[in-house]
Structure formats: C-alpha cells, structure tokens
C-alpha cells in the first residue's frame, strides 16, 4: 500500500500505544499533571482547605519572591550548601573509591563499612548526629579532650548549617563512591603498567590516567549532587524542628516552600511560585555544568 500510513502500520502503532498506556497514564497523573497544576497555582492566590478558592494574580507571586527577605535567606543558605557540599562529597567519593580500588587488605569489609551511611534512613541519621552534636555530645567531648573549643552545633546560627553539611557529606559520598569504583575497575591496567615503565609515580598516574578517565562519571556525579543538594529538606526540618532556625541559619528553599504551603494555608500559590523558581535555578545550574564539561558521554 502506497499511502503514507498503511492500515497495518496504524494498527502496530495503536498496539504500541496500548501497551504504553499504563506508563503514560502514570506519567500524566503523577508527574506532568502535578507540574502543570503547580504552575497554575503559582499564578493564583489559593486556599485549598475549607472553602476552596482561586484568585488570579498574574505575576504577583513571582514578584513577591524577589521582595521576600526570608526567600533571599533561604536561597543564600541553599547556595552555600551546594557550593560546599558538592565539591567535598565528590572529592571524598573519589578518594574512597581509589583506596578501595588499590587492592588493600580487607577490601570487601571496608566496602561494607563505607557504604553503611547510605543505607541509613535520613531521619535516623539526623537524629543520631543531633545527639552527637549536643552540648554534652560525642563531638564536643572529643573536641574538649584534644584541647579544642566546643560549639553549640544545634543552637549557634554560625555553625548550624555547617553541621548539616558535614553530616550530609559523610552520608552521601559513599553512594557516589560505588559509582566511581565501578568506573575505576573499567580503566585498563595496561595504561598504569605503561605509565610505570615511563617512571610515573602514584600521584602522576592518578592525575594523568585516573582523573581523565573519570570525567564522564564526574559530570554525572556533579549533576546528581547539584540536583540533590538544592532539594535539601528533611535534615534541615528535623534539625530545626521545622523552623529553619536558629535565626534562619538552616532555612532552605524547600523548607521555605513547605512552610508557606502547609503552615500558612493561604499562601499555597506563593509556595508554588517559589517551587517553580527553584526548578528553574536547578535547570540553569545543570545546563551550565553540562556546558562547562567537555565530556558529556556517561558510562
């Protein structure tokens, strides 16, 4: 049949879409639907509890974002968190993977030990660290024993966010360590052997062979880290009891969205606007990172 779409091709396409329909339905209901609904809410003053009402306000919610002092604080805290945590956990993940790939004794045992923080629930991990960060906790006990000053990690606004950073670097780096470890085992041993014949030492081999071969993986790790760190919520919520304190020092963008959406029931539209702005920030950050990376092919 010379027609552009034959009866048989249309039947095959129909069968394909029929088998895809459960997935398409899930995407529409649970992903695309909420996204478009959130965009709709961001242009309205919304009350969802009691008597539901929608009052179209145009771009007023987005203009309010730039005038909101707490939104600026939350964005700055989140930005500081991203630029410190992402490099630190990436470097730590590479170091841990390199040590495990070096053929050390008890390698399997250390793999399990290193990976345990990733298996721990985020809420449980935060509660454990809050106990350790207590004024009479394990961290201050250790600092006092070695003659260093102690800190109020939970109540001091100057160190509260740093305490969360340390906790998340320790908990997240092992996950990326496994990815790096898999990539390291794909690098041919012949490259290292040839480098040794040329007189290269361990450091030179690491920078000249290991790091270049890990560029695609590093690009992937950084992108995933940026997306994850911008969405910091649960640790900050538990650490501060949902307030973002002390003195807004642990207030993040996602925590601020939660406060406006579910604590102030008449600012759901404004919360949706902040969420959409955050999505744009994450998208732009990811695109910039991909642009700066010369190698975008991932394993």
Protein backbone atom coordinates (compact mmCIF):
# COMPACT_ATOMS: atom_id res chain seq x y z
CA UNK A 1 0.00 0.00 0.00
CA UNK A 2 1.49 3.32 -1.14
CA UNK A 3 -0.36 5.53 1.30
CA UNK A 4 1.80 7.33 3.84
CA UNK A 5 0.24 5.42 6.75
CA UNK A 6 -0.98 1.97 5.90
CA UNK A 7 -3.67 0.20 7.88
CA UNK A 8 -1.07 -2.25 9.21
CA UNK A 9 1.30 0.50 10.44
CA UNK A 10 -1.56 2.26 12.21
CA UNK A 11 -2.55 -0.99 13.90
CA UNK A 12 1.02 -1.58 15.04
CA UNK A 13 1.24 1.98 16.36
CA UNK A 14 -2.08 1.55 18.16
CA UNK A 15 -0.87 -1.66 19.78
CA UNK A 16 2.32 0.07 20.88
CA UNK A 17 0.45 2.96 22.48
CA UNK A 18 -1.95 0.48 24.09
CA UNK A 19 0.93 -1.32 25.81
CA UNK A 20 2.45 2.05 26.78
CA UNK A 21 -0.84 3.40 28.13
CA UNK A 22 -0.26 2.36 31.81
CA UNK A 23 3.08 4.20 31.84
CA UNK A 24 1.64 7.22 30.02
CA UNK A 25 -1.27 7.28 32.48
CA UNK A 26 1.11 7.24 35.47
CA UNK A 27 3.25 10.00 33.94
CA UNK A 28 0.22 12.19 33.28
CA UNK A 29 -1.36 11.68 36.71
CA UNK A 30 1.67 11.70 39.00
CA UNK A 31 4.31 13.77 37.13
CA UNK A 32 3.05 16.00 34.33
CA UNK A 33 -0.32 16.68 35.96
CA UNK A 34 1.15 17.98 39.26
CA UNK A 35 3.73 20.05 37.36
CA UNK A 36 1.10 21.87 35.29
CA UNK A 37 -1.18 22.21 38.32
CA UNK A 38 1.67 23.77 40.34
CA UNK A 39 2.31 26.24 37.50
CA UNK A 40 -1.40 27.09 37.51
CA UNK A 41 -1.34 27.62 41.30
CA UNK A 42 1.67 29.93 41.03
CA UNK A 43 -0.44 32.49 39.14
CA UNK A 44 -3.19 32.48 41.76
CA UNK A 45 -3.87 33.23 45.40
CA UNK A 46 -5.07 29.83 46.55
CA UNK A 47 -6.97 28.44 49.51
CA UNK A 48 -7.27 24.66 49.34
CA UNK A 49 -8.68 23.87 52.80
CA UNK A 50 -12.20 24.72 53.82
CA UNK A 51 -13.80 26.74 51.04
CA UNK A 52 -11.52 26.24 48.04
CA UNK A 53 -10.85 29.45 46.12
CA UNK A 54 -8.58 30.59 43.27
CA UNK A 55 -7.89 34.28 42.74
CA UNK A 56 -5.82 35.04 39.63
CA UNK A 57 -2.99 37.48 40.43
CA UNK A 58 -0.74 37.11 37.37
CA UNK A 59 2.95 37.52 38.16
CA UNK A 60 2.38 38.96 41.64
CA UNK A 61 3.60 35.78 43.38
CA UNK A 62 6.83 35.80 41.35
CA UNK A 63 7.39 39.49 42.12
CA UNK A 64 6.90 38.72 45.80
CA UNK A 65 9.73 36.16 45.68
CA UNK A 66 12.26 38.92 44.96
CA UNK A 67 10.91 41.11 47.78
CA UNK A 68 10.73 38.34 50.39
CA UNK A 69 13.64 38.59 52.84
CA UNK A 70 13.22 35.00 54.04
CA UNK A 71 13.26 33.75 50.44
CA UNK A 72 16.59 35.53 49.93
CA UNK A 73 17.99 33.97 53.11
CA UNK A 74 16.78 30.51 52.09
CA UNK A 75 18.29 30.85 48.62
CA UNK A 76 21.62 32.03 50.05
CA UNK A 77 21.73 29.17 52.58
CA UNK A 78 20.93 26.67 49.84
CA UNK A 79 23.57 28.19 47.54
CA UNK A 80 26.24 27.97 50.26
CA UNK A 81 25.21 24.39 50.94
CA UNK A 82 25.52 23.45 47.24
CA UNK A 83 28.90 25.07 46.54
CA UNK A 84 30.47 23.45 49.63
CA UNK A 85 28.82 20.02 49.76
CA UNK A 86 29.03 19.13 46.06
CA UNK A 87 32.83 19.51 45.68
CA UNK A 88 33.56 17.97 49.08
CA UNK A 89 31.43 14.87 48.62
CA UNK A 90 32.73 14.41 45.05
CA UNK A 91 36.37 14.58 46.16
CA UNK A 92 35.70 12.30 49.13
CA UNK A 93 33.92 9.79 46.88
CA UNK A 94 36.92 9.68 44.50
CA UNK A 95 39.36 9.23 47.39
CA UNK A 96 37.33 6.42 48.97
CA UNK A 97 36.91 4.67 45.61
CA UNK A 98 40.62 4.97 44.84
CA UNK A 99 41.60 3.47 48.20
CA UNK A 100 39.25 0.54 47.69
CA UNK A 101 40.49 0.02 44.14
CA UNK A 102 44.12 -0.09 45.26
CA UNK A 103 43.85 -3.73 46.37
CA UNK A 104 44.08 -3.05 50.10
CA UNK A 105 43.60 -5.87 52.58
CA UNK A 106 40.05 -6.32 53.79
CA UNK A 107 38.67 -4.53 50.74
CA UNK A 108 35.23 -6.18 50.95
CA UNK A 109 34.92 -5.36 54.64
CA UNK A 110 35.74 -1.67 54.04
CA UNK A 111 33.27 -1.54 51.15
CA UNK A 112 30.52 -2.53 53.56
CA UNK A 113 31.69 -0.10 56.26
CA UNK A 114 31.98 2.81 53.82
CA UNK A 115 28.54 2.16 52.31
CA UNK A 116 26.64 1.82 55.61
CA UNK A 117 25.81 5.56 55.95
CA UNK A 118 23.96 5.47 52.62
CA UNK A 119 21.75 2.63 53.84
CA UNK A 120 20.73 4.51 56.98
CA UNK A 121 17.43 6.39 56.95
CA UNK A 122 17.91 10.15 56.57
CA UNK A 123 15.68 10.86 59.58
CA UNK A 124 17.51 8.33 61.79
CA UNK A 125 20.88 9.66 60.64
CA UNK A 126 19.86 13.22 61.52
CA UNK A 127 18.70 12.20 64.99
CA UNK A 128 21.98 10.36 65.60
CA UNK A 129 24.00 13.41 64.58
CA UNK A 130 21.83 15.70 66.69
CA UNK A 131 22.72 13.52 69.68
CA UNK A 132 26.42 13.70 68.70
CA UNK A 133 26.21 17.49 68.19
CA UNK A 134 24.59 18.09 71.58
CA UNK A 135 26.45 20.37 74.01
CA UNK A 136 27.30 17.27 76.04
CA UNK A 137 27.51 15.01 72.98
CA UNK A 138 30.25 12.91 71.46
CA UNK A 139 31.67 15.59 69.13
CA UNK A 140 32.13 18.20 71.85
CA UNK A 141 33.51 15.52 74.17
CA UNK A 142 36.18 14.70 71.60
CA UNK A 143 36.98 18.37 70.94
CA UNK A 144 37.36 19.01 74.67
CA UNK A 145 39.64 16.02 75.12
CA UNK A 146 42.10 17.28 72.50
CA UNK A 147 42.00 20.85 73.79
CA UNK A 148 39.87 22.45 71.08
CA UNK A 149 36.90 24.78 71.72
CA UNK A 150 33.44 23.25 71.87
CA UNK A 151 30.39 24.51 69.97
CA UNK A 152 26.64 24.62 70.25
CA UNK A 153 26.16 22.96 66.87
CA UNK A 154 22.37 22.96 67.09
CA UNK A 155 21.75 26.36 68.70
CA UNK A 156 24.53 28.51 67.21
CA UNK A 157 23.48 30.10 63.86
CA UNK A 158 27.14 30.40 62.85
CA UNK A 159 27.75 26.65 62.81
CA UNK A 160 24.31 25.00 62.46
CA UNK A 161 24.36 24.84 58.65
CA UNK A 162 27.98 23.67 58.68
CA UNK A 163 26.97 20.81 60.99
CA UNK A 164 24.32 19.72 58.46
CA UNK A 165 26.90 19.97 55.64
CA UNK A 166 29.33 17.66 57.46
CA UNK A 167 26.56 15.17 58.14
CA UNK A 168 25.41 15.08 54.51
CA UNK A 169 28.91 14.85 53.05
CA UNK A 170 29.58 11.84 55.27
CA UNK A 171 26.25 10.22 54.39
CA UNK A 172 26.15 10.87 50.63
CA UNK A 173 29.76 10.39 49.50
CA UNK A 174 29.63 6.55 49.81
CA UNK A 175 26.81 6.36 47.26
CA UNK A 176 28.92 8.16 44.65
CA UNK A 177 31.94 6.12 45.79
CA UNK A 178 30.27 2.98 44.42
CA UNK A 179 29.77 4.69 41.04
CA UNK A 180 33.40 5.79 40.92
CA UNK A 181 34.57 2.34 41.99
CA UNK A 182 32.75 0.73 39.07
CA UNK A 183 34.33 3.26 36.70
CA UNK A 184 37.82 2.70 38.13
CA UNK A 185 37.57 -1.02 37.52
CA UNK A 186 36.88 -0.33 33.83
CA UNK A 187 40.19 1.51 33.34
CA UNK A 188 42.66 -0.92 31.65
CA UNK A 189 45.59 -1.99 33.83
CA UNK A 190 47.83 -1.73 30.78
CA UNK A 191 47.65 2.08 31.00
CA UNK A 192 49.03 2.05 34.55
CA UNK A 193 51.69 -0.51 33.60
CA UNK A 194 52.83 1.63 30.67
CA UNK A 195 52.97 4.68 32.95
CA UNK A 196 55.10 2.77 35.46
CA UNK A 197 57.55 1.85 32.68
CA UNK A 198 57.83 5.56 31.89
CA UNK A 199 58.66 6.27 35.53
CA UNK A 200 55.34 7.72 36.63
CA UNK A 201 54.57 7.60 40.35
CA UNK A 202 51.19 7.03 42.03
CA UNK A 203 50.26 10.73 42.05
CA UNK A 204 51.22 11.23 38.40
CA UNK A 205 49.25 8.13 37.38
CA UNK A 206 46.24 9.37 39.29
CA UNK A 207 46.20 12.80 37.64
CA UNK A 208 47.24 11.67 34.15
CA UNK A 209 45.22 8.44 33.83
CA UNK A 210 42.57 8.09 36.53
CA UNK A 211 41.14 11.62 36.57
CA UNK A 212 40.77 11.99 32.76
CA UNK A 213 39.03 8.61 32.51
CA UNK A 214 36.63 9.62 35.30
CA UNK A 215 35.49 12.86 33.63
CA UNK A 216 32.19 11.43 32.31
CA UNK A 217 31.39 9.94 35.72
CA UNK A 218 32.37 13.14 37.50
CA UNK A 219 30.00 15.07 35.23
CA UNK A 220 27.18 12.69 36.17
CA UNK A 221 28.04 12.82 39.89
CA UNK A 222 28.15 16.63 39.95
CA UNK A 223 24.81 16.95 38.16
CA UNK A 224 23.12 14.49 40.51
CA UNK A 225 24.74 16.18 43.52
CA UNK A 226 23.58 19.64 42.45
CA UNK A 227 20.02 18.44 41.96
CA UNK A 228 20.01 16.63 45.31
CA UNK A 229 21.61 19.40 47.37
CA UNK A 230 19.26 22.08 46.04
CA UNK A 231 16.41 19.92 47.38
CA UNK A 232 17.69 19.73 50.97
CA UNK A 233 14.70 19.45 53.29
CA UNK A 234 14.43 16.60 55.77
CA UNK A 235 17.72 17.15 57.62
CA UNK A 236 17.06 20.88 57.93
CA UNK A 237 13.47 20.25 59.04
CA UNK A 238 14.44 17.77 61.77
CA UNK A 239 17.48 19.78 62.84
CA UNK A 240 15.46 22.96 63.38
CA UNK A 241 12.08 21.47 64.28
CA UNK A 242 10.66 22.85 61.04
CA UNK A 243 11.50 26.48 61.79
CA UNK A 244 14.73 26.82 59.81
CA UNK A 245 16.43 28.17 62.93
CA UNK A 246 18.38 29.21 64.77
CA UNK A 247 17.91 32.68 63.27
CA UNK A 248 17.02 31.22 59.82
CA UNK A 249 20.53 29.75 59.55
CA UNK A 250 19.25 26.32 58.39
CA UNK A 251 16.35 27.64 56.32
CA UNK A 252 16.47 26.16 52.82
CA UNK A 253 14.32 26.85 49.79
CA UNK A 254 12.41 23.57 50.03
CA UNK A 255 11.80 24.07 53.76
CA UNK A 256 10.50 27.57 53.00
CA UNK A 257 8.16 26.12 50.37
CA UNK A 258 6.85 23.68 52.96
CA UNK A 259 6.26 26.45 55.49
CA UNK A 260 4.33 28.64 53.05
CA UNK A 261 2.35 25.73 51.58
CA UNK A 262 1.33 23.83 54.71
CA UNK A 263 1.72 26.21 57.65
CA UNK A 264 0.22 29.32 56.08
CA UNK A 265 -2.73 27.82 54.26
CA UNK A 266 -3.48 30.96 52.24
CA UNK A 267 -0.05 31.14 50.56
CA UNK A 268 -0.13 27.92 48.54
CA UNK A 269 0.12 29.90 45.29
CA UNK A 270 3.18 31.75 46.54
CA UNK A 271 4.77 28.44 47.59
CA UNK A 272 4.16 27.08 44.08
CA UNK A 273 5.86 30.16 42.61
CA UNK A 274 8.94 29.59 44.80
CA UNK A 275 8.98 25.92 43.77
CA UNK A 276 8.89 26.90 40.09
CA UNK A 277 11.72 29.41 40.60
CA UNK A 278 13.75 26.67 42.33
CA UNK A 279 13.12 24.33 39.40
CA UNK A 280 14.45 26.98 37.01
CA UNK A 281 17.54 27.53 39.19
CA UNK A 282 18.28 23.78 39.22
CA UNK A 283 17.75 23.57 35.45
CA UNK A 284 20.06 26.52 34.75
CA UNK A 285 22.73 25.17 37.13
CA UNK A 286 22.62 21.78 35.44
CA UNK A 287 22.85 23.28 31.94
CA UNK A 288 25.82 25.44 32.97
CA UNK A 289 27.59 22.42 34.41
CA UNK A 290 26.98 20.42 31.23
CA UNK A 291 28.24 23.34 29.15
CA UNK A 292 31.44 23.59 31.16
CA UNK A 293 32.05 19.87 30.91
CA UNK A 294 33.75 18.96 27.64
CA UNK A 295 32.87 15.31 28.01
CA UNK A 296 29.13 14.65 28.31
CA UNK A 297 29.08 10.98 27.37
CA UNK A 298 28.21 9.00 30.51
CA UNK A 299 29.04 5.38 31.12
